[in-house]
Protein backbone atom coordinates (compact mmCIF):
# COMPACT_ATOMS: atom_id res chain seq x y z
CA UNK A 1 118.10 85.63 61.29
CA UNK A 2 115.76 87.32 63.54
CA UNK A 3 113.63 84.50 64.40
CA UNK A 4 116.41 82.31 65.08
CA UNK A 5 117.83 84.36 67.63
CA UNK A 6 114.46 84.75 69.43
CA UNK A 7 113.90 80.86 69.28
CA UNK A 8 117.52 80.50 70.85
CA UNK A 9 116.39 82.98 73.69
CA UNK A 10 113.07 81.63 74.34
CA UNK A 11 114.79 78.51 74.69
CA UNK A 12 117.20 79.63 77.14
CA UNK A 13 114.69 81.43 79.21
CA UNK A 14 112.61 78.43 79.72
CA UNK A 15 116.01 76.45 80.59
CA UNK A 16 116.06 78.72 83.84
CA UNK A 17 114.28 77.25 86.84
CA UNK A 18 111.37 79.92 87.15
CA UNK A 19 107.99 80.38 88.47
CA UNK A 20 105.06 78.50 86.16
CA UNK A 21 103.08 81.89 85.89
CA UNK A 22 104.25 85.36 84.88
CA UNK A 23 105.36 87.18 88.17
CA UNK A 24 103.90 90.45 88.90
CA UNK A 25 105.33 93.36 90.99
CA UNK A 26 102.66 92.94 93.85
CA UNK A 27 103.61 89.55 94.14
CA UNK A 28 107.65 90.25 94.10
CA UNK A 29 106.78 93.00 96.83
CA UNK A 30 104.78 90.30 98.72
CA UNK A 31 108.47 88.64 99.41
CA UNK A 32 109.17 91.23 101.94
CA UNK A 33 107.45 89.12 104.41
CA UNK A 34 110.06 86.09 103.68
CA UNK A 35 112.89 85.39 105.45
CA UNK A 36 115.73 87.64 103.99
CA UNK A 37 119.17 88.03 105.58
CA UNK A 38 118.89 91.78 106.04
CA UNK A 39 115.50 91.48 107.76
CA UNK A 40 116.85 88.58 109.78
CA UNK A 41 119.39 90.57 111.34
CA UNK A 42 117.17 93.41 112.15
CA UNK A 43 114.90 91.08 113.59
CA UNK A 44 117.95 89.76 115.67
CA UNK A 45 118.66 93.30 116.83
CA UNK A 46 115.24 93.71 118.04
CA UNK A 47 115.00 90.66 119.68
CA UNK A 48 118.35 91.38 121.61
CA UNK A 49 116.85 94.89 122.61
CA UNK A 50 113.78 93.06 124.02
CA UNK A 51 116.02 90.63 125.78
CA UNK A 52 118.24 93.48 127.40
CA UNK A 53 114.64 95.08 128.06
CA UNK A 54 113.26 91.94 130.51
CA UNK A 55 116.67 91.75 131.89
CA UNK A 56 116.35 95.01 133.13
CA UNK A 57 112.92 94.41 134.27
CA UNK A 58 113.88 91.52 135.94
CA UNK A 59 116.20 93.41 138.48
CA UNK A 60 112.72 93.95 140.40
CA UNK A 61 111.89 90.41 140.44
CA UNK A 62 111.32 88.22 143.51
CA UNK A 63 114.09 85.87 144.05
CA UNK A 64 114.29 82.39 146.18
CA UNK A 65 117.67 80.56 147.08
CA UNK A 66 118.93 77.97 149.18
CA UNK A 67 121.80 79.01 151.39
CA UNK A 68 123.71 76.02 153.28
CA UNK A 69 127.12 75.53 155.08
CA UNK A 70 128.69 72.31 155.97
CA UNK A 71 131.02 72.86 158.65
CA UNK A 72 132.32 71.52 162.22
CA UNK A 73 133.50 73.44 165.36
CA UNK A 74 135.10 72.59 168.75
CA UNK A 75 133.83 72.82 171.66
CA UNK A 76 135.22 74.13 175.07
CA UNK A 77 135.51 70.51 176.19
CA UNK A 78 137.75 69.68 172.93
CA UNK A 79 135.35 67.87 170.83
CA UNK A 80 134.55 68.53 167.42
CA UNK A 81 131.21 68.90 166.67
CA UNK A 82 128.93 69.43 163.39
CA UNK A 83 127.46 72.71 162.95
CA UNK A 84 125.64 72.82 159.84
CA UNK A 85 123.36 75.40 158.13
CA UNK A 86 120.73 75.08 155.52
CA UNK A 87 118.39 78.22 154.88
CA UNK A 88 115.88 79.01 152.44
CA UNK A 89 116.07 82.68 151.85
CA UNK A 90 113.06 84.69 149.90
CA UNK A 91 113.99 88.33 148.97
CA UNK A 92 112.32 91.20 146.98
CA UNK A 93 113.89 94.29 146.10
CA UNK A 94 111.79 97.16 147.36
CA UNK A 95 113.38 100.55 146.57
CA UNK A 96 116.39 101.12 144.40
CA UNK A 97 115.69 104.88 144.21
CA UNK A 98 115.99 105.02 140.24
CA UNK A 99 118.38 102.16 139.29
CA UNK A 100 115.68 99.91 137.97
CA UNK A 101 113.14 102.45 136.58
CA UNK A 102 116.07 104.07 134.75
CA UNK A 103 117.36 100.91 133.36
CA UNK A 104 113.71 100.21 131.85
CA UNK A 105 113.55 103.34 130.36
CA UNK A 106 116.62 102.83 128.76
CA UNK A 107 116.14 99.38 127.29
CA UNK A 108 112.45 100.88 126.26
CA UNK A 109 113.97 103.43 124.23
CA UNK A 110 116.37 100.88 122.73
CA UNK A 111 113.56 98.65 121.42
CA UNK A 112 111.78 101.51 120.10
CA UNK A 113 114.90 102.24 118.14
CA UNK A 114 115.41 98.73 116.89
CA UNK A 115 111.45 98.88 115.98
CA UNK A 116 112.36 101.90 113.87
CA UNK A 117 115.09 100.26 112.34
CA UNK A 118 113.38 97.41 111.49
CA UNK A 119 110.75 99.15 109.76
CA UNK A 120 113.33 100.69 107.90
CA UNK A 121 114.90 97.41 106.40
CA UNK A 122 111.77 96.49 105.24
CA UNK A 123 111.05 99.88 103.51
CA UNK A 124 114.67 99.86 101.94
CA UNK A 125 113.83 96.08 100.65
CA UNK A 126 110.71 97.16 99.12
CA UNK A 127 112.48 99.53 97.06
CA UNK A 128 115.34 97.25 96.36
CA UNK A 129 112.68 94.89 94.86
CA UNK A 130 111.06 97.32 93.03
CA UNK A 131 114.19 98.48 91.34
CA UNK A 132 115.43 94.99 90.58
CA UNK A 133 112.08 94.23 89.23
CA UNK A 134 112.18 97.19 86.76
CA UNK A 135 115.80 96.20 85.89
CA UNK A 136 114.46 92.76 84.54
CA UNK A 137 111.95 94.62 82.48
CA UNK A 138 114.61 97.22 80.86
CA UNK A 139 116.83 94.63 80.35
CA UNK A 140 114.05 92.39 78.45
CA UNK A 141 113.47 95.64 76.17
CA UNK A 142 116.90 96.72 75.69
CA UNK A 143 117.88 93.14 74.75
CA UNK A 144 115.03 93.23 71.82
CA UNK A 145 116.36 96.67 70.47
CA UNK A 146 120.00 95.33 70.33
CA UNK A 147 118.98 92.30 68.87
CA UNK A 148 117.06 94.08 66.14
CA UNK A 149 120.09 96.38 65.52
CA UNK A 150 122.27 93.39 65.17
CA UNK A 151 120.11 91.72 62.66
CA UNK A 152 120.02 94.80 60.76
CA UNK A 153 123.70 95.10 60.92
CA UNK A 154 124.48 91.51 59.75
CA UNK A 155 122.32 92.02 56.63
CA UNK A 156 124.30 94.93 55.78
CA UNK A 157 127.21 93.39 56.13
CA UNK A 158 126.17 90.40 54.55
CA UNK A 159 124.82 92.23 51.49
CA UNK A 160 128.15 94.21 51.45
CA UNK A 161 130.16 91.04 50.97
CA UNK A 162 128.44 90.08 47.78
CA UNK A 163 128.52 93.86 46.51
CA UNK A 164 132.38 93.73 47.36
CA UNK A 165 132.80 90.35 45.19
CA UNK A 166 131.24 92.08 42.17
CA UNK A 167 133.42 95.05 42.84
CA UNK A 168 130.87 97.72 43.92
CA UNK A 169 132.33 98.74 47.05
CA UNK A 170 135.87 98.65 48.46
CA UNK A 171 137.30 96.59 50.59
CA UNK A 172 137.46 99.63 53.72
CA UNK A 173 133.81 99.83 53.18
CA UNK A 174 133.47 96.41 54.05
CA UNK A 175 135.73 96.33 57.00
CA UNK A 176 133.46 99.30 58.27
CA UNK A 177 130.49 97.24 57.84
CA UNK A 178 131.87 94.09 59.49
CA UNK A 179 133.03 96.44 62.34
CA UNK A 180 129.85 97.97 62.92
CA UNK A 181 128.20 94.49 63.61
CA UNK A 182 130.82 93.25 65.68
CA UNK A 183 130.52 96.21 67.92
CA UNK A 184 126.20 96.03 67.74
CA UNK A 185 126.83 92.15 68.63
CA UNK A 186 128.99 93.20 71.50
CA UNK A 187 126.07 94.94 72.80
CA UNK A 188 123.60 92.54 72.01
CA UNK A 189 125.57 89.65 73.93
CA UNK A 190 126.07 92.14 76.84
CA UNK A 191 122.33 92.41 76.77
CA UNK A 192 122.06 89.06 76.74
CA UNK A 193 123.83 88.26 79.92
CA UNK A 194 121.86 90.99 81.60
CA UNK A 195 118.92 89.00 81.05
CA UNK A 196 120.22 86.40 83.54
CA UNK A 197 122.06 88.52 85.92
CA UNK A 198 119.06 91.04 86.51
CA UNK A 199 116.79 87.84 87.03
CA UNK A 200 119.42 86.61 89.65
CA UNK A 201 119.51 89.83 91.48
CA UNK A 202 115.78 89.82 91.38
CA UNK A 203 115.64 86.49 92.94
CA UNK A 204 118.03 87.47 95.81
CA UNK A 205 116.39 90.34 96.46
CA UNK A 206 112.86 88.31 97.13
CA UNK A 207 114.97 85.72 99.00
CA UNK A 208 114.60 83.23 96.26
CA UNK A 209 118.00 82.56 94.89
CA UNK A 210 116.92 79.32 93.00
CA UNK A 211 113.93 80.51 91.52
CA UNK A 212 114.91 82.79 88.46
CA UNK A 213 111.36 84.30 86.97
CA UNK A 214 111.24 83.83 83.29
CA UNK A 215 108.75 86.53 82.52
CA UNK A 216 107.38 89.34 84.14
CA UNK A 217 104.14 91.04 84.10
CA UNK A 218 104.29 94.86 82.89
CA UNK A 219 103.19 96.70 86.28
CA UNK A 220 100.53 99.13 86.89
CA UNK A 221 101.68 102.52 88.25
CA UNK A 222 99.05 104.46 89.29
CA UNK A 223 100.85 106.31 92.34
CA UNK A 224 103.05 107.71 89.69
CA UNK A 225 100.20 110.50 89.35
CA UNK A 226 99.98 110.87 93.14
CA UNK A 227 100.52 114.65 93.88
CA UNK A 228 103.55 115.60 96.11
CA UNK A 229 103.55 118.46 98.50
CA UNK A 230 106.32 121.04 98.50
CA UNK A 231 109.92 121.06 100.15
CA UNK A 232 108.99 123.56 102.80
CA UNK A 233 105.80 121.56 104.12
CA UNK A 234 107.46 118.06 103.70
CA UNK A 235 110.54 118.84 105.27
CA UNK A 236 109.06 119.03 108.95
CA UNK A 237 106.76 115.78 108.41
CA UNK A 238 110.00 113.87 107.41
CA UNK A 239 111.90 114.76 110.17
CA UNK A 240 109.43 113.77 112.52
CA UNK A 241 108.41 110.38 110.82
CA UNK A 242 111.65 109.26 109.57
CA UNK A 243 112.30 105.85 111.27
CA UNK A 244 116.25 106.64 111.19
CA UNK A 245 115.75 109.94 112.66
CA UNK A 246 113.34 108.23 115.25
CA UNK A 247 115.89 105.53 116.27
CA UNK A 248 118.49 107.73 116.73
CA UNK A 249 116.44 109.99 118.86
CA UNK A 250 115.27 106.78 120.74
CA UNK A 251 119.22 105.90 121.28
CA UNK A 252 119.86 109.63 122.75
CA UNK A 253 116.99 109.01 125.14
CA UNK A 254 118.31 105.65 126.11
CA UNK A 255 121.76 106.96 126.72
CA UNK A 256 120.01 109.76 129.36
CA UNK A 257 118.54 106.88 130.74
CA UNK A 258 121.61 104.93 131.53
CA UNK A 259 123.25 107.87 132.68
CA UNK A 260 120.74 108.30 135.41
CA UNK A 261 120.64 104.71 136.07
CA UNK A 262 124.40 105.07 136.69
CA UNK A 263 124.12 107.75 138.98
CA UNK A 264 121.32 106.16 141.16
CA UNK A 265 124.33 103.47 141.66
CA UNK A 266 124.87 106.06 144.56
CA UNK A 267 121.38 106.06 146.11
CA UNK A 268 120.51 103.45 148.74
CA UNK A 269 118.59 100.18 147.92
CA UNK A 270 116.15 98.61 150.13
CA UNK A 271 114.95 94.89 150.00
CA UNK A 272 112.56 92.65 152.12
CA UNK A 273 113.86 89.23 153.04
CA UNK A 274 112.21 86.27 154.75
CA UNK A 275 114.53 83.30 155.97
CA UNK A 276 113.55 79.94 156.85
CA UNK A 277 116.99 77.80 158.48
CA UNK A 278 117.45 74.51 159.86
CA UNK A 279 120.51 74.22 162.09
CA UNK A 280 122.47 70.81 163.47
CA UNK A 281 123.35 72.83 166.67
CA UNK A 282 120.99 74.43 168.81
CA UNK A 283 121.49 78.02 169.87
CA UNK A 284 119.10 80.91 171.48
CA UNK A 285 120.66 83.09 168.45
CA UNK A 286 119.35 81.22 165.66
CA UNK A 287 116.02 81.48 164.52
CA UNK A 288 114.19 78.98 162.62
CA UNK A 289 112.05 81.55 160.52
CA UNK A 290 112.94 85.11 160.42
CA UNK A 291 111.91 88.51 158.25
CA UNK A 292 113.30 91.79 158.07
CA UNK A 293 114.26 94.56 155.85
CA UNK A 294 117.94 94.71 154.50
CA UNK A 295 119.20 98.09 153.11
CA UNK A 296 122.11 98.95 151.68
CA UNK A 297 124.09 102.77 151.91
CA UNK A 298 127.03 102.96 149.15
CA UNK A 299 129.77 105.28 151.43
CA UNK A 300 132.38 105.19 148.73
CA UNK A 301 132.74 103.64 145.04
CA UNK A 302 136.12 105.06 143.74
CA UNK A 303 135.90 106.39 140.40
CA UNK A 304 133.67 103.30 138.86
CA UNK A 305 130.65 105.14 138.27
CA UNK A 306 132.08 108.69 137.17
CA UNK A 307 134.10 106.42 134.48
CA UNK A 308 131.18 104.57 133.22
CA UNK A 309 129.35 107.75 133.43
CA UNK A 310 131.92 109.60 131.51
CA UNK A 311 131.90 106.58 128.83
CA UNK A 312 128.03 106.88 128.16
CA UNK A 313 128.11 111.01 128.07
CA UNK A 314 130.86 110.64 125.07
CA UNK A 315 128.75 107.66 123.19
CA UNK A 316 125.71 109.96 123.84
CA UNK A 317 127.50 112.81 121.90
CA UNK A 318 128.41 110.94 119.27
CA UNK A 319 124.74 109.83 118.63
CA UNK A 320 123.58 113.22 118.66
CA UNK A 321 126.13 114.24 116.16
CA UNK A 322 124.80 111.45 114.00
CA UNK A 323 121.51 112.51 114.39
CA UNK A 324 122.36 116.23 113.34
CA UNK A 325 124.10 114.99 110.36
CA UNK A 326 121.15 112.58 109.31
CA UNK A 327 119.17 115.46 109.43
CA UNK A 328 121.44 117.21 107.16
CA UNK A 329 121.47 114.50 104.62
CA UNK A 330 117.70 113.99 104.85
CA UNK A 331 117.30 117.74 103.88
CA UNK A 332 119.13 117.33 100.75
CA UNK A 333 117.89 113.96 99.90
CA UNK A 334 114.52 115.04 100.20
CA UNK A 335 115.15 118.11 97.87
CA UNK A 336 116.97 115.95 95.48
CA UNK A 337 114.19 113.41 95.43
CA UNK A 338 111.54 116.14 94.71
CA UNK A 339 113.63 117.74 92.11
CA UNK A 340 113.95 114.53 90.05
CA UNK A 341 110.12 113.81 90.78
CA UNK A 342 109.39 117.45 89.24
CA UNK A 343 112.01 116.79 86.37
CA UNK A 344 110.73 113.61 85.60
CA UNK A 345 107.17 114.48 85.27
CA UNK A 346 107.44 117.90 83.64
CA UNK A 347 110.88 117.15 81.28
CA UNK A 348 111.46 113.49 81.20
CA UNK A 349 107.92 112.38 80.15
CA UNK A 350 107.55 115.11 77.56
CA UNK A 351 110.50 114.57 75.96
CA UNK A 352 109.96 110.73 75.64
CA UNK A 353 106.66 110.97 74.38
CA UNK A 354 107.89 113.47 71.60
CA UNK A 355 110.60 110.79 71.29
CA UNK A 356 108.01 108.14 70.78
CA UNK A 357 105.73 110.38 68.36
CA UNK A 358 108.69 110.91 66.00
CA UNK A 359 109.68 107.48 66.16
CA UNK A 360 106.40 106.07 65.27
CA UNK A 361 105.94 108.61 62.50
CA UNK A 362 109.50 107.68 60.92
CA UNK A 363 108.32 103.82 61.30
CA UNK A 364 105.49 104.64 59.29
CA UNK A 365 107.14 106.31 56.59
CA UNK A 366 109.98 103.44 56.81
CA UNK A 367 107.44 100.76 56.25
CA UNK A 368 105.96 103.17 53.21
CA UNK A 369 109.34 103.15 51.85
CA UNK A 370 109.92 99.76 52.20
CA UNK A 371 106.70 98.80 50.44
CA UNK A 372 107.57 100.74 47.58
CA UNK A 373 111.39 99.40 47.62
CA UNK A 374 112.79 102.57 47.96
CA UNK A 375 114.57 101.88 51.05
CA UNK A 376 115.70 99.07 53.10
CA UNK A 377 116.14 100.52 56.52
CA UNK A 378 112.82 99.49 58.23
CA UNK A 379 114.72 97.10 60.70
CA UNK A 380 116.75 100.32 61.89
CA UNK A 381 113.41 102.18 62.30
CA UNK A 382 111.66 99.63 64.31
CA UNK A 383 114.53 99.04 66.55
CA UNK A 384 114.88 102.94 67.27
CA UNK A 385 110.96 102.95 68.27
CA UNK A 386 111.71 100.22 70.49
CA UNK A 387 114.45 102.46 71.89
CA UNK A 388 112.06 105.39 72.35
CA UNK A 389 109.67 103.23 74.12
CA UNK A 390 112.32 101.95 76.49
CA UNK A 391 113.34 105.46 77.02
CA UNK A 392 109.59 106.35 78.12
CA UNK A 393 109.39 103.19 80.65
CA UNK A 394 112.78 104.18 82.23
CA UNK A 395 111.03 107.63 82.92
CA UNK A 396 107.85 105.92 84.68
CA UNK A 397 110.29 103.27 86.58
CA UNK A 398 112.41 105.99 87.71
CA UNK A 399 109.53 108.23 88.91
CA UNK A 400 107.99 104.90 90.49
CA UNK A 401 111.11 104.52 92.65
CA UNK A 402 111.83 108.30 93.41
CA UNK A 403 108.10 108.32 94.69
CA UNK A 404 109.13 105.12 96.91
CA UNK A 405 112.08 106.58 98.18
CA UNK A 406 110.09 109.79 99.04
CA UNK A 407 107.51 107.49 101.26
CA UNK A 408 110.16 105.81 102.93
CA UNK A 409 112.08 109.11 103.98
CA UNK A 410 108.60 109.87 105.22
CA UNK A 411 108.06 106.85 107.50
CA UNK A 412 105.64 105.13 105.31
CA UNK A 413 103.19 107.95 104.59
CA UNK A 414 102.98 111.11 102.87
CA UNK A 415 100.83 114.45 104.54
CA UNK A 416 98.07 115.93 102.38
CA UNK A 417 99.37 117.46 99.37
CA UNK A 418 98.23 121.20 99.65
CA UNK A 419 99.76 123.21 96.79
CA UNK A 420 100.99 120.02 95.46
CA UNK A 421 103.37 119.89 92.39
CA UNK A 422 101.63 118.71 89.03
């Protein structure tokens, strides 16, 4: 029966649209460069910030425009005469005493914030792909174990039916064995569904929704042995390098620059202007070509500037509060991540290894007893051995993800691990 089940499983897997070769973790992570909706949204935000920066810089650009008037005027003699004017005007802002420079500074800081958030989105996507990849591997191992348990339960139930017919066991005992089989069959079928659902989630994370991978390679995880710094030395590094902190800090600086730009609207402005004109009516007061300086001195603007500055200050205070809260959250997350790494290395691995050691010994004993026809629990021992190995892989996968999250918190790189955890 076990062989039949595996043949059905293999047929189902080969029916899934899949890559021709076994997918590796490195290949899966390389898909970060592909167009994923999360990535595209972050890239669009960055493009918008850059466009705002170009718009702010364009305030100092040279401008050239045509200014014309079509009209007629009545002369003292009572006749109406055309008085048309056509002018080409060239204007270049010279000084606005802080308006443009502060607007450009605000836009530059906003670009820096969006760049940091784009990096954060790429890092989070790598972690998501890793998690989905590990989920597929664990689902395969879990299915194999449940499949073995189900085969054992079916054989026990099937043998019990024969024993019941000859009166060796009671009906309640037979019903119990059937109920056990159905429970394990339910778990096995749930594991079977996870084979597809985990692959679908991995394909979506890789931005390949129609290409479900059939077979995954077991990854090498050399970074799981990487030394890690202590919390006290790593916390300042995270507070300086974390991209989300950098993004909020840039947004605070952008708010300061916008407030300064608004305040500068009370300052004068000075432009250079050159005009070339043509007129349908001659006049001694009209110049065909003129050049000069144009200045503007605001005298009264009502509450418009104050209201905009008040709104910007309120938004800045909210951003500062978000930054302070993020620092508190990151401090807790960093501690939790380091404690998880320590627990997995010092406790999780040891417990899983001892479980494997015991199950390997129990499997050898069951195999020997099976060969001597003393007991028939070989299938159960094999399944329990698979569960023990599954537990060990879970530890390594969790450790790899915890280290990846730690690196993401640190902005993609970790400091030298002096006094590191072993």
